[in-house]
Amino acid sequence: MIKHKKAQWPWHGLTALVLVGLAISLYLATSMISYEWRWNRVPQYFAYKAEETQRAANPGTVEEIVVSGDNARVTLKDESGDTQVVEVAKDSMLLARGDDVAEGDAIGVTRHWAAGPLAWGLWTTLWISVISGALGLVIGLFAGLCRLSSNPTLRDLSTVYVELVRGTPLLVQIFIFYFFIGTVLNLSREFAGVAALALFTGAYVAEIVRAGVQSIAKGQNEAARSLGLNGAQSMRHVILPQAFKRVLPPLAGQFISLVKDTSLVSVIAITELTKSGREAITTSFSTFEIWFCVAGLYLLINLPLSHIASRLERRLAQSD
């Protein structure tokens, strides 16, 4: 008997209708509060043309001005006969040929593209997430294995660490690490923020690793030991590779949460993505536009990470 595959397009159409309905609801909600959308103010917070004022190095005279396109090349000659050549934007010229200039006088400005606050905030979020995630993975792997150790001291200390970190808010841990530990050890706010995030992530990774290792049948370890492998070799070559396949989804979820948790380090004056968004709002007065952009940037980080984890999970499943 041939089974006919049910058409999926009606359900996809329903999904599209729901999304359109949500967008319309959002628009109507903003209309009720008389909000004026100003998307034209947003691009400058990603990239803008910065202006740098060019000044005379010594007292002298404008000897020559050569215009080329949108730029002008200004040649200054000082009293000793030395020349200074400065290239500025043509429309910013403040001098004419033959004018006398004093040391430090403005000649004009040069313009170049520069990253805006949201772009810098995105970069800060990325490097904090990468470093904290890598350290958290190492800490979590070590703590998770200690939780399974036959040594009571290692087991007890790792248990205290995991329960203490998981039982207190991350925000409180950041404050304690920066204002107490950071002050005593004279740590920078960036170091304190990364360390707090790494320790927080490590506690959850430790539980994920512990659960993954314990989910492997004991017969796997016994078989490895019967082949002449010691405990460390059995864990490294037999148990951990199998456990990794099982813990990959929760690990991916934990690292996605870490990216969002980086927003909390703004409380210790680290200008990451969320803090950059708040600062942009104070100058643009475009509250909804900026927050939508910030949310989109977090999605820009997390969606590829989730997609990569899903693909890796499928590939590992095919290798079984």
C-alpha atoms as a PDB file:
ATOM      1  CA  MET A   1       0.000   0.000   0.000  1.00  0.00           C
ATOM      2  CA  ILE A   2       1.394   3.395  -1.017  1.00  0.00           C
ATOM      3  CA  LYS A   3       1.312   6.068   1.641  1.00  0.00           C
ATOM      4  CA  HIS A   4       0.657   9.561   0.386  1.00  0.00           C
ATOM      5  CA  LYS A   5       2.605  12.313   2.037  1.00  0.00           C
ATOM      6  CA  LYS A   6       0.370  14.978   3.486  1.00  0.00           C
ATOM      7  CA  ALA A   7       0.753  18.450   2.041  1.00  0.00           C
ATOM      8  CA  GLN A   8       2.709  20.721   4.329  1.00  0.00           C
ATOM      9  CA  TRP A   9       2.048  24.058   2.639  1.00  0.00           C
ATOM     10  CA  PRO A  10      -1.209  24.778   4.542  1.00  0.00           C
ATOM     11  CA  TRP A  11       0.689  24.590   7.831  1.00  0.00           C
ATOM     12  CA  HIS A  12       3.491  26.780   6.506  1.00  0.00           C
ATOM     13  CA  GLY A  13       0.837  29.228   5.342  1.00  0.00           C
ATOM     14  CA  LEU A  14      -0.712  29.223   8.809  1.00  0.00           C
ATOM     15  CA  THR A  15       2.714  29.931  10.316  1.00  0.00           C
ATOM     16  CA  ALA A  16       3.146  32.878   7.960  1.00  0.00           C
ATOM     17  CA  LEU A  17      -0.303  34.213   8.904  1.00  0.00           C
ATOM     18  CA  VAL A  18       0.538  34.011  12.599  1.00  0.00           C
ATOM     19  CA  LEU A  19       3.783  35.917  12.061  1.00  0.00           C
ATOM     20  CA  VAL A  20       2.026  38.563   9.974  1.00  0.00           C
ATOM     21  CA  GLY A  21      -0.618  38.857  12.681  1.00  0.00           C
ATOM     22  CA  LEU A  22       2.056  39.416  15.321  1.00  0.00           C
ATOM     23  CA  ALA A  23       3.708  42.098  13.181  1.00  0.00           C
ATOM     24  CA  ILE A  24       0.377  43.880  12.661  1.00  0.00           C
ATOM     25  CA  SER A  25      -0.375  43.662  16.385  1.00  0.00           C
ATOM     26  CA  LEU A  26       2.990  45.232  17.166  1.00  0.00           C
ATOM     27  CA  TYR A  27       2.348  48.032  14.688  1.00  0.00           C
ATOM     28  CA  LEU A  28      -1.100  48.719  16.133  1.00  0.00           C
ATOM     29  CA  ALA A  29       0.303  48.686  19.680  1.00  0.00           C
ATOM     30  CA  THR A  30       2.902  51.329  18.785  1.00  0.00           C
ATOM     31  CA  SER A  31       0.232  53.360  16.970  1.00  0.00           C
ATOM     32  CA  MET A  32      -1.867  53.466  20.133  1.00  0.00           C
ATOM     33  CA  ILE A  33       0.960  55.188  22.011  1.00  0.00           C
ATOM     34  CA  SER A  34       1.630  57.575  19.096  1.00  0.00           C
ATOM     35  CA  TYR A  35       5.160  56.267  18.570  1.00  0.00           C
ATOM     36  CA  GLU A  36       7.025  57.716  15.597  1.00  0.00           C
ATOM     37  CA  TRP A  37       9.390  55.257  13.948  1.00  0.00           C
ATOM     38  CA  ARG A  38      12.797  56.710  13.042  1.00  0.00           C
ATOM     39  CA  TRP A  39      14.727  53.898  11.386  1.00  0.00           C
ATOM     40  CA  ASN A  40      16.867  56.448   9.532  1.00  0.00           C
ATOM     41  CA  ARG A  41      18.674  57.199  12.806  1.00  0.00           C
ATOM     42  CA  VAL A  42      19.796  53.605  13.332  1.00  0.00           C
ATOM     43  CA  PRO A  43      22.527  53.015  10.652  1.00  0.00           C
ATOM     44  CA  GLN A  44      24.903  55.558  12.212  1.00  0.00           C
ATOM     45  CA  TYR A  45      25.141  53.358  15.313  1.00  0.00           C
ATOM     46  CA  PHE A  46      26.571  50.533  13.194  1.00  0.00           C
ATOM     47  CA  ALA A  47      28.945  52.592  11.040  1.00  0.00           C
ATOM     48  CA  TYR A  48      29.433  56.293  10.457  1.00  0.00           C
ATOM     49  CA  LYS A  49      31.856  58.721   8.846  1.00  0.00           C
ATOM     50  CA  ALA A  50      34.154  60.022  11.542  1.00  0.00           C
ATOM     51  CA  GLU A  51      35.818  63.410  11.189  1.00  0.00           C
ATOM     52  CA  GLU A  52      39.392  64.062  12.290  1.00  0.00           C
ATOM     53  CA  THR A  53      40.583  67.660  12.448  1.00  0.00           C
ATOM     54  CA  GLN A  54      43.927  68.338  10.774  1.00  0.00           C
ATOM     55  CA  ARG A  55      46.023  71.129  12.327  1.00  0.00           C
ATOM     56  CA  ALA A  56      49.153  73.076  11.457  1.00  0.00           C
ATOM     57  CA  ALA A  57      52.279  71.712  13.113  1.00  0.00           C
ATOM     58  CA  ASN A  58      54.189  75.037  13.046  1.00  0.00           C
ATOM     59  CA  PRO A  59      53.494  78.715  12.321  1.00  0.00           C
ATOM     60  CA  GLY A  60      53.670  79.461   8.602  1.00  0.00           C
ATOM     61  CA  THR A  61      51.832  80.299   5.408  1.00  0.00           C
ATOM     62  CA  VAL A  62      49.541  78.393   3.048  1.00  0.00           C
ATOM     63  CA  GLU A  63      51.776  77.988   0.016  1.00  0.00           C
ATOM     64  CA  GLU A  64      49.574  75.870  -2.253  1.00  0.00           C
ATOM     65  CA  ILE A  65      46.141  74.205  -2.377  1.00  0.00           C
ATOM     66  CA  VAL A  66      45.534  71.445  -4.927  1.00  0.00           C
ATOM     67  CA  VAL A  67      41.963  70.206  -5.295  1.00  0.00           C
ATOM     68  CA  SER A  68      41.435  66.608  -6.431  1.00  0.00           C
ATOM     69  CA  GLY A  69      37.874  65.343  -6.436  1.00  0.00           C
ATOM     70  CA  ASP A  70      36.374  65.696  -2.972  1.00  0.00           C
ATOM     71  CA  ASN A  71      39.760  66.225  -1.317  1.00  0.00           C
ATOM     72  CA  ALA A  72      42.201  69.103  -1.174  1.00  0.00           C
ATOM     73  CA  ARG A  73      45.957  68.881  -0.618  1.00  0.00           C
ATOM     74  CA  VAL A  74      47.232  71.808   1.414  1.00  0.00           C
ATOM     75  CA  THR A  75      50.935  72.670   1.519  1.00  0.00           C
ATOM     76  CA  LEU A  76      52.107  74.803   4.450  1.00  0.00           C
ATOM     77  CA  LYS A  77      55.525  76.452   4.597  1.00  0.00           C
ATOM     78  CA  ASP A  78      56.933  77.543   7.943  1.00  0.00           C
ATOM     79  CA  GLU A  79      59.489  80.240   8.727  1.00  0.00           C
ATOM     80  CA  SER A  80      62.443  77.846   8.444  1.00  0.00           C
ATOM     81  CA  GLY A  81      61.410  76.747   4.958  1.00  0.00           C
ATOM     82  CA  ASP A  82      60.087  73.298   5.963  1.00  0.00           C
ATOM     83  CA  THR A  83      56.799  72.200   4.409  1.00  0.00           C
ATOM     84  CA  GLN A  84      53.835  70.318   5.810  1.00  0.00           C
ATOM     85  CA  VAL A  85      51.424  68.621   3.391  1.00  0.00           C
ATOM     86  CA  VAL A  86      47.929  67.869   4.694  1.00  0.00           C
ATOM     87  CA  GLU A  87      45.046  66.298   2.786  1.00  0.00           C
ATOM     88  CA  VAL A  88      41.551  67.294   3.933  1.00  0.00           C
ATOM     89  CA  ALA A  89      37.989  67.176   2.636  1.00  0.00           C
ATOM     90  CA  LYS A  90      37.429  69.982   0.126  1.00  0.00           C
ATOM     91  CA  ASP A  91      34.189  71.190   1.709  1.00  0.00           C
ATOM     92  CA  SER A  92      35.865  71.472   5.132  1.00  0.00           C
ATOM     93  CA  MET A  93      38.669  73.827   4.059  1.00  0.00           C
ATOM     94  CA  LEU A  94      39.118  76.716   6.513  1.00  0.00           C
ATOM     95  CA  LEU A  95      42.054  78.423   4.779  1.00  0.00           C
ATOM     96  CA  ALA A  96      42.926  79.983   1.444  1.00  0.00           C
ATOM     97  CA  ARG A  97      46.201  80.315  -0.410  1.00  0.00           C
ATOM     98  CA  GLY A  98      48.457  82.938   1.194  1.00  0.00           C
ATOM     99  CA  ASP A  99      46.790  82.804   4.614  1.00  0.00           C
ATOM    100  CA  ASP A 100      48.989  82.887   7.687  1.00  0.00           C
ATOM    101  CA  VAL A 101      48.552  80.081  10.211  1.00  0.00           C
ATOM    102  CA  ALA A 102      49.654  79.629  13.793  1.00  0.00           C
ATOM    103  CA  GLU A 103      50.695  76.396  15.445  1.00  0.00           C
ATOM    104  CA  GLY A 104      47.623  74.276  16.102  1.00  0.00           C
ATOM    105  CA  ASP A 105      45.289  76.144  13.733  1.00  0.00           C
ATOM    106  CA  ALA A 106      42.632  73.950  12.134  1.00  0.00           C
ATOM    107  CA  ILE A 107      43.082  73.394   8.390  1.00  0.00           C
ATOM    108  CA  GLY A 108      40.117  71.113   7.742  1.00  0.00           C
ATOM    109  CA  VAL A 109      38.939  67.598   8.475  1.00  0.00           C
ATOM    110  CA  THR A 110      39.490  64.149   7.019  1.00  0.00           C
ATOM    111  CA  ARG A 111      36.608  61.716   6.911  1.00  0.00           C
ATOM    112  CA  HIS A 112      36.744  57.935   7.214  1.00  0.00           C
ATOM    113  CA  TRP A 113      34.333  55.154   8.034  1.00  0.00           C
ATOM    114  CA  ALA A 114      34.337  54.012  11.667  1.00  0.00           C
ATOM    115  CA  ALA A 115      32.464  51.342  13.607  1.00  0.00           C
ATOM    116  CA  GLY A 116      29.512  52.641  15.604  1.00  0.00           C
ATOM    117  CA  PRO A 117      28.653  51.775  19.221  1.00  0.00           C
ATOM    118  CA  LEU A 118      26.402  48.843  18.291  1.00  0.00           C
ATOM    119  CA  ALA A 119      29.155  47.310  16.167  1.00  0.00           C
ATOM    120  CA  TRP A 120      31.673  47.700  19.002  1.00  0.00           C
ATOM    121  CA  GLY A 121      29.124  46.306  21.461  1.00  0.00           C
ATOM    122  CA  LEU A 122      28.601  43.279  19.217  1.00  0.00           C
ATOM    123  CA  TRP A 123      32.370  42.699  19.057  1.00  0.00           C
ATOM    124  CA  THR A 124      32.662  42.941  22.862  1.00  0.00           C
ATOM    125  CA  THR A 125      29.808  40.460  23.313  1.00  0.00           C
ATOM    126  CA  LEU A 126      31.457  38.055  20.871  1.00  0.00           C
ATOM    127  CA  TRP A 127      34.907  37.988  22.462  1.00  0.00           C
ATOM    128  CA  ILE A 128      33.526  37.805  25.989  1.00  0.00           C
ATOM    129  CA  SER A 129      31.270  34.904  24.939  1.00  0.00           C
ATOM    130  CA  VAL A 130      34.088  33.000  23.215  1.00  0.00           C
ATOM    131  CA  ILE A 131      36.595  33.352  26.048  1.00  0.00           C
ATOM    132  CA  SER A 132      34.027  32.677  28.781  1.00  0.00           C
ATOM    133  CA  GLY A 133      32.657  29.685  26.884  1.00  0.00           C
ATOM    134  CA  ALA A 134      36.090  28.135  26.337  1.00  0.00           C
ATOM    135  CA  LEU A 135      37.086  28.596  29.984  1.00  0.00           C
ATOM    136  CA  GLY A 136      33.684  27.400  31.163  1.00  0.00           C
ATOM    137  CA  LEU A 137      34.014  24.236  29.080  1.00  0.00           C
ATOM    138  CA  VAL A 138      37.410  23.432  30.604  1.00  0.00           C
ATOM    139  CA  ILE A 139      36.210  24.194  34.138  1.00  0.00           C
ATOM    140  CA  GLY A 140      33.005  22.236  33.623  1.00  0.00           C
ATOM    141  CA  LEU A 141      34.776  19.189  32.205  1.00  0.00           C
ATOM    142  CA  PHE A 142      37.184  19.101  35.150  1.00  0.00           C
ATOM    143  CA  ALA A 143      34.449  19.712  37.749  1.00  0.00           C
ATOM    144  CA  GLY A 144      32.144  17.167  36.121  1.00  0.00           C
ATOM    145  CA  LEU A 145      34.805  14.458  36.244  1.00  0.00           C
ATOM    146  CA  CYS A 146      35.595  15.414  39.841  1.00  0.00           C
ATOM    147  CA  ARG A 147      31.924  14.874  40.653  1.00  0.00           C
ATOM    148  CA  LEU A 148      32.377  11.270  39.497  1.00  0.00           C
ATOM    149  CA  SER A 149      35.716  10.779  41.245  1.00  0.00           C
ATOM    150  CA  SER A 150      36.188   8.155  43.935  1.00  0.00           C
ATOM    151  CA  ASN A 151      38.225  10.706  45.889  1.00  0.00           C
ATOM    152  CA  PRO A 152      35.879  12.199  48.537  1.00  0.00           C
ATOM    153  CA  THR A 153      37.724  15.531  48.646  1.00  0.00           C
ATOM    154  CA  LEU A 154      37.492  16.122  44.896  1.00  0.00           C
ATOM    155  CA  ARG A 155      33.879  14.984  44.876  1.00  0.00           C
ATOM    156  CA  ASP A 156      32.878  17.191  47.819  1.00  0.00           C
ATOM    157  CA  LEU A 157      34.688  20.309  46.579  1.00  0.00           C
ATOM    158  CA  SER A 158      33.204  20.013  43.090  1.00  0.00           C
ATOM    159  CA  THR A 159      29.747  19.494  44.603  1.00  0.00           C
ATOM    160  CA  VAL A 160      30.104  22.620  46.755  1.00  0.00           C
ATOM    161  CA  TYR A 161      31.216  24.615  43.710  1.00  0.00           C
ATOM    162  CA  VAL A 162      28.344  23.437  41.521  1.00  0.00           C
ATOM    163  CA  GLU A 163      25.634  23.909  44.137  1.00  0.00           C
ATOM    164  CA  LEU A 164      26.976  27.300  45.247  1.00  0.00           C
ATOM    165  CA  VAL A 165      27.095  28.695  41.711  1.00  0.00           C
ATOM    166  CA  ARG A 166      23.793  27.209  40.578  1.00  0.00           C
ATOM    167  CA  GLY A 167      22.055  28.325  43.739  1.00  0.00           C
ATOM    168  CA  THR A 168      22.912  32.032  43.479  1.00  0.00           C
ATOM    169  CA  PRO A 169      22.035  34.578  40.740  1.00  0.00           C
ATOM    170  CA  LEU A 170      24.658  35.384  38.145  1.00  0.00           C
ATOM    171  CA  LEU A 171      24.171  39.098  38.741  1.00  0.00           C
ATOM    172  CA  VAL A 172      25.122  38.687  42.412  1.00  0.00           C
ATOM    173  CA  GLN A 173      28.163  36.620  41.442  1.00  0.00           C
ATOM    174  CA  ILE A 174      29.351  39.343  39.053  1.00  0.00           C
ATOM    175  CA  PHE A 175      29.019  41.971  41.791  1.00  0.00           C
ATOM    176  CA  ILE A 176      30.890  39.808  44.321  1.00  0.00           C
ATOM    177  CA  PHE A 177      33.624  38.910  41.860  1.00  0.00           C
ATOM    178  CA  TYR A 178      34.200  42.494  40.741  1.00  0.00           C
ATOM    179  CA  PHE A 179      33.712  44.519  43.917  1.00  0.00           C
ATOM    180  CA  PHE A 180      35.224  42.015  46.369  1.00  0.00           C
ATOM    181  CA  ILE A 181      37.615  39.616  44.632  1.00  0.00           C
ATOM    182  CA  GLY A 182      38.440  42.098  41.875  1.00  0.00           C
ATOM    183  CA  THR A 183      39.235  44.857  44.375  1.00  0.00           C
ATOM    184  CA  VAL A 184      41.440  42.612  46.528  1.00  0.00           C
ATOM    185  CA  LEU A 185      43.372  41.211  43.555  1.00  0.00           C
ATOM    186  CA  ASN A 186      43.257  44.473  41.542  1.00  0.00           C
ATOM    187  CA  LEU A 187      41.520  42.860  38.552  1.00  0.00           C
ATOM    188  CA  SER A 188      40.161  44.744  35.562  1.00  0.00           C
ATOM    189  CA  ARG A 189      36.411  44.781  35.010  1.00  0.00           C
ATOM    190  CA  GLU A 190      36.838  42.760  31.812  1.00  0.00           C
ATOM    191  CA  PHE A 191      38.776  40.046  33.643  1.00  0.00           C
ATOM    192  CA  ALA A 192      36.222  39.986  36.459  1.00  0.00           C
ATOM    193  CA  GLY A 193      33.307  39.760  34.028  1.00  0.00           C
ATOM    194  CA  VAL A 194      34.855  36.951  31.991  1.00  0.00           C
ATOM    195  CA  ALA A 195      35.839  35.030  35.141  1.00  0.00           C
ATOM    196  CA  ALA A 196      32.341  35.304  36.633  1.00  0.00           C
ATOM    197  CA  LEU A 197      30.717  34.117  33.399  1.00  0.00           C
ATOM    198  CA  ALA A 198      33.224  31.273  33.012  1.00  0.00           C
ATOM    199  CA  LEU A 199      32.658  30.010  36.565  1.00  0.00           C
ATOM    200  CA  PHE A 200      28.888  30.283  36.142  1.00  0.00           C
ATOM    201  CA  THR A 201      28.941  28.393  32.841  1.00  0.00           C
ATOM    202  CA  GLY A 202      31.384  25.823  34.216  1.00  0.00           C
ATOM    203  CA  ALA A 203      28.960  24.812  36.988  1.00  0.00           C
ATOM    204  CA  TYR A 204      26.216  23.978  34.487  1.00  0.00           C
ATOM    205  CA  VAL A 205      28.632  22.290  32.093  1.00  0.00           C
ATOM    206  CA  ALA A 206      29.842  20.160  35.011  1.00  0.00           C
ATOM    207  CA  GLU A 207      26.338  18.816  35.600  1.00  0.00           C
ATOM    208  CA  ILE A 208      25.857  18.206  31.876  1.00  0.00           C
ATOM    209  CA  VAL A 209      29.142  16.281  31.700  1.00  0.00           C
ATOM    210  CA  ARG A 210      28.331  14.285  34.842  1.00  0.00           C
ATOM    211  CA  ALA A 211      24.903  13.308  33.508  1.00  0.00           C
ATOM    212  CA  GLY A 212      26.347  12.415  30.108  1.00  0.00           C
ATOM    213  CA  VAL A 213      29.042  10.158  31.552  1.00  0.00           C
ATOM    214  CA  GLN A 214      26.615   8.448  33.906  1.00  0.00           C
ATOM    215  CA  SER A 215      24.242   7.765  30.999  1.00  0.00           C
ATOM    216  CA  ILE A 216      26.814   5.459  29.378  1.00  0.00           C
ATOM    217  CA  ALA A 217      26.294   1.818  30.291  1.00  0.00           C
ATOM    218  CA  LYS A 218      28.763   0.488  32.854  1.00  0.00           C
ATOM    219  CA  GLY A 219      29.505  -2.377  30.531  1.00  0.00           C
ATOM    220  CA  GLN A 220      31.371   0.022  28.234  1.00  0.00           C
ATOM    221  CA  ASN A 221      33.891   0.808  30.957  1.00  0.00           C
ATOM    222  CA  GLU A 222      34.187  -2.836  31.959  1.00  0.00           C
ATOM    223  CA  ALA A 223      34.823  -3.836  28.348  1.00  0.00           C
ATOM    224  CA  ALA A 224      37.501  -1.179  27.995  1.00  0.00           C
ATOM    225  CA  ARG A 225      39.204  -2.288  31.193  1.00  0.00           C
ATOM    226  CA  SER A 226      39.138  -5.904  30.034  1.00  0.00           C
ATOM    227  CA  LEU A 227      41.047  -4.828  26.917  1.00  0.00           C
ATOM    228  CA  GLY A 228      43.866  -3.518  29.096  1.00  0.00           C
ATOM    229  CA  LEU A 229      42.956   0.174  29.302  1.00  0.00           C
ATOM    230  CA  ASN A 230      43.352   1.920  32.630  1.00  0.00           C
ATOM    231  CA  GLY A 231      40.696   4.197  34.117  1.00  0.00           C
ATOM    232  CA  ALA A 232      41.952   7.406  32.455  1.00  0.00           C
ATOM    233  CA  GLN A 233      42.342   5.754  29.053  1.00  0.00           C
ATOM    234  CA  SER A 234      38.900   4.193  29.296  1.00  0.00           C
ATOM    235  CA  MET A 235      37.360   7.578  30.117  1.00  0.00           C
ATOM    236  CA  ARG A 236      39.239   9.378  27.336  1.00  0.00           C
ATOM    237  CA  HIS A 237      38.878   6.870  24.491  1.00  0.00           C
ATOM    238  CA  VAL A 238      35.599   5.089  25.266  1.00  0.00           C
ATOM    239  CA  ILE A 239      33.305   6.906  27.687  1.00  0.00           C
ATOM    240  CA  LEU A 240      33.786  10.597  26.826  1.00  0.00           C
ATOM    241  CA  PRO A 241      33.360  10.222  23.019  1.00  0.00           C
ATOM    242  CA  GLN A 242      30.031   8.466  23.565  1.00  0.00           C
ATOM    243  CA  ALA A 243      28.963  10.937  26.242  1.00  0.00           C
ATOM    244  CA  PHE A 244      29.801  13.902  23.991  1.00  0.00           C
ATOM    245  CA  LYS A 245      27.174  12.828  21.470  1.00  0.00           C
ATOM    246  CA  ARG A 246      24.533  12.827  24.183  1.00  0.00           C
ATOM    247  CA  VAL A 247      25.493  16.097  25.859  1.00  0.00           C
ATOM    248  CA  LEU A 248      25.901  18.132  22.666  1.00  0.00           C
ATOM    249  CA  PRO A 249      22.313  19.526  22.644  1.00  0.00           C
ATOM    250  CA  PRO A 250      22.361  20.715  26.277  1.00  0.00           C
ATOM    251  CA  LEU A 251      25.895  22.086  25.808  1.00  0.00           C
ATOM    252  CA  ALA A 252      24.747  24.091  22.791  1.00  0.00           C
ATOM    253  CA  GLY A 253      21.813  25.399  24.801  1.00  0.00           C
ATOM    254  CA  GLN A 254      24.136  26.416  27.624  1.00  0.00           C
ATOM    255  CA  PHE A 255      26.467  28.338  25.325  1.00  0.00           C
ATOM    256  CA  ILE A 256      23.505  30.081  23.695  1.00  0.00           C
ATOM    257  CA  SER A 257      22.384  31.127  27.174  1.00  0.00           C
ATOM    258  CA  LEU A 258      25.917  32.346  27.872  1.00  0.00           C
ATOM    259  CA  VAL A 259      25.756  34.742  24.912  1.00  0.00           C
ATOM    260  CA  LYS A 260      22.593  36.270  26.368  1.00  0.00           C
ATOM    261  CA  ASP A 261      24.017  36.285  29.907  1.00  0.00           C
ATOM    262  CA  THR A 262      26.858  38.539  28.751  1.00  0.00           C
ATOM    263  CA  SER A 263      24.333  41.385  28.918  1.00  0.00           C
ATOM    264  CA  LEU A 264      24.674  41.293  32.711  1.00  0.00           C
ATOM    265  CA  VAL A 265      28.309  42.415  32.689  1.00  0.00           C
ATOM    266  CA  SER A 266      27.044  45.873  31.751  1.00  0.00           C
ATOM    267  CA  VAL A 267      26.417  46.411  35.485  1.00  0.00           C
ATOM    268  CA  ILE A 268      30.199  46.681  35.975  1.00  0.00           C
ATOM    269  CA  ALA A 269      30.541  49.222  33.143  1.00  0.00           C
ATOM    270  CA  ILE A 270      31.548  46.844  30.343  1.00  0.00           C
ATOM    271  CA  THR A 271      30.113  48.276  27.143  1.00  0.00           C
ATOM    272  CA  GLU A 272      28.781  45.144  25.488  1.00  0.00           C
ATOM    273  CA  LEU A 273      25.792  44.943  23.140  1.00  0.00           C
ATOM    274  CA  THR A 274      23.008  45.690  25.626  1.00  0.00           C
ATOM    275  CA  LYS A 275      24.837  48.617  27.231  1.00  0.00           C
ATOM    276  CA  SER A 276      25.683  49.974  23.774  1.00  0.00           C
ATOM    277  CA  GLY A 277      21.984  49.789  22.941  1.00  0.00           C
ATOM    278  CA  ARG A 278      21.042  51.753  26.055  1.00  0.00           C
ATOM    279  CA  GLU A 279      23.617  54.417  25.247  1.00  0.00           C
ATOM    280  CA  ALA A 280      22.359  54.661  21.658  1.00  0.00           C
ATOM    281  CA  ILE A 281      18.801  55.186  22.910  1.00  0.00           C
ATOM    282  CA  THR A 282      19.839  58.139  25.060  1.00  0.00           C
ATOM    283  CA  THR A 283      21.148  59.995  21.988  1.00  0.00           C
ATOM    284  CA  SER A 284      18.731  58.819  19.277  1.00  0.00           C
ATOM    285  CA  PHE A 285      15.451  58.588  21.247  1.00  0.00           C
ATOM    286  CA  SER A 286      14.631  55.596  19.016  1.00  0.00           C
ATOM    287  CA  THR A 287      13.784  53.118  21.742  1.00  0.00           C
ATOM    288  CA  PHE A 288      11.982  50.403  19.806  1.00  0.00           C
ATOM    289  CA  GLU A 289      14.268  50.594  16.775  1.00  0.00           C
ATOM    290  CA  ILE A 290      17.439  50.179  18.832  1.00  0.00           C
ATOM    291  CA  TRP A 291      16.062  47.330  20.959  1.00  0.00           C
ATOM    292  CA  PHE A 292      14.856  45.491  17.848  1.00  0.00           C
ATOM    293  CA  CYS A 293      18.346  45.859  16.377  1.00  0.00           C
ATOM    294  CA  VAL A 294      19.941  44.591  19.607  1.00  0.00           C
ATOM    295  CA  ALA A 295      17.601  41.573  19.627  1.00  0.00           C
ATOM    296  CA  GLY A 296      18.420  40.936  15.967  1.00  0.00           C
ATOM    297  CA  LEU A 297      22.160  41.008  16.690  1.00  0.00           C
ATOM    298  CA  TYR A 298      21.757  38.443  19.467  1.00  0.00           C
ATOM    299  CA  LEU A 299      19.827  36.274  17.004  1.00  0.00           C
ATOM    300  CA  LEU A 300      22.619  36.802  14.482  1.00  0.00           C
ATOM    301  CA  ILE A 301      25.000  35.163  16.969  1.00  0.00           C
ATOM    302  CA  ASN A 302      22.757  32.428  18.360  1.00  0.00           C
ATOM    303  CA  LEU A 303      20.949  31.121  15.269  1.00  0.00           C
ATOM    304  CA  PRO A 304      24.145  30.047  13.448  1.00  0.00           C
ATOM    305  CA  LEU A 305      25.432  28.524  16.692  1.00  0.00           C
ATOM    306  CA  SER A 306      22.213  26.518  17.075  1.00  0.00           C
ATOM    307  CA  HIS A 307      22.351  25.480  13.397  1.00  0.00           C
ATOM    308  CA  ILE A 308      25.972  24.315  13.673  1.00  0.00           C
ATOM    309  CA  ALA A 309      25.164  22.295  16.805  1.00  0.00           C
ATOM    310  CA  SER A 310      22.198  20.645  15.048  1.00  0.00           C
ATOM    311  CA  ARG A 311      24.298  19.706  12.027  1.00  0.00           C
ATOM    312  CA  LEU A 312      27.074  18.332  14.220  1.00  0.00           C
ATOM    313  CA  GLU A 313      24.521  16.318  16.183  1.00  0.00           C
ATOM    314  CA  ARG A 314      23.136  14.768  12.991  1.00  0.00           C
ATOM    315  CA  ARG A 315      26.616  13.904  11.737  1.00  0.00           C
ATOM    316  CA  LEU A 316      27.545  12.265  15.019  1.00  0.00           C
ATOM    317  CA  ALA A 317      24.283  10.310  14.970  1.00  0.00           C
ATOM    318  CA  GLN A 318      25.127   8.949  11.503  1.00  0.00           C
ATOM    319  CA  SER A 319      28.472   7.686  12.787  1.00  0.00           C
ATOM    320  CA  ASP A 320      26.823   5.381  15.344  1.00  0.00           C
END
